[in-house]
């Protein structure tokens, strides 16, 4: 029997950040992870982080808070390692057909957002950094920058620092039940023993609904698989660190077309080509579509059809990649809220001590540090640094009927 103030379920960026903040505030914390640290969504992305969202104030404030933490960790070395915070050059690629589409509809709205951010279309021969290896029919681009971090070092550094401040981290440990007595959480039952606890933080990502059922609630989260390929070390064939190409059909808020006969649309495959500076290889991504959770554990199997579409998309943008070998493919489950696509953060009414931190989808590394602080503030009984009422679980309840699964647009 273990006893603790807070049990955090999930060893991704949200769970680790929560454990870090609570341990620094003097709370006894146990983090339980069914696999290893950053085994799922947090370990299956390129490490790009956002600083602002032009369409959503709360996201912008959370992104800014997280970025400030990354800066502090980078400068102070508090996490016990270099987190490789750096600025990366980006080229967003467009064809003449894209530019024609930007006169109306979705692409027009996207262009307006870019213009508001001071980012403008530039003809190919006027790019700041020339890209001779980009396909010849890509005639326009938007050049910008983004921030990057080393995802594994951040996650492992948060784990190390949380433990240094007294937290316990149990990996390869599966949660079997969460006991609730008199409307309050009291125990977390695992396959390695029981944990008596006052609070439970459900930061289990795509597995959050399974934990939710243990306390009798339905959490409207579906698993969206994201896939990436890693090339062999190769001489640089791009000058921008990231090159992004979205097909004409792509809607970032509705990233796949479930019934399409085009496999790229059905699997939500777009093209991101990232140069890994320390390993001299490329990471080729990405996909986004709903699948079932793995039958056992956290291991997410890659899909041959998705791998083929990602590789073909990368070659379409950079034809020279055809002669580069792929040495690894990996995938992770991203938690997406099937009702509105927004995160779910905060306490659950009627279950004292049960706190949700999930639904971060594909912005986990941008949300994670600040989200952990917000959850810590909730448990400490403080007013949160950023108002998060619109992200509460209670938003799904209307006339006591729950949930609104029929509103989810992306899956039949």
Foldseek 3Di string as FASTA:
>chain_A
DAEFAEEEEAQALQSLLLLLQQLVVPGAYEYEAQADHCPFQLVADQFWADQADPPDDQLNVLLVVLVVVLVVCQVVVLLVDHFPKDKFKEKEWDAPVLVVPCVDDPNVVVQVVCVVVVWHKDFQVPDPDHQPQFDPRRTIITMDMTIGTNSVSVSNSSVVSSVVSNYHYHYSKAFDAFDFDPQETAWTQIPVGIYGYRAYEQAHAQCSQVHVVRVPDGAQKFWKKKKKFKWAQDADNGDGQKYWYADPPADPQQQAACPDPPVCRNFSWTWMWGQDVVRNIIMIDTTTDTDHQDPDTFADDDDPVRVVVRQVNVCNGRVVCVPIGTDDMGMHIGIARQQRRDWAFADDPSRRNYTYGYSCGNNCSSNRNLSSVQNSCVSVVHDGPGDDVVRHPCVQADPNDDHPNVNRDRYD
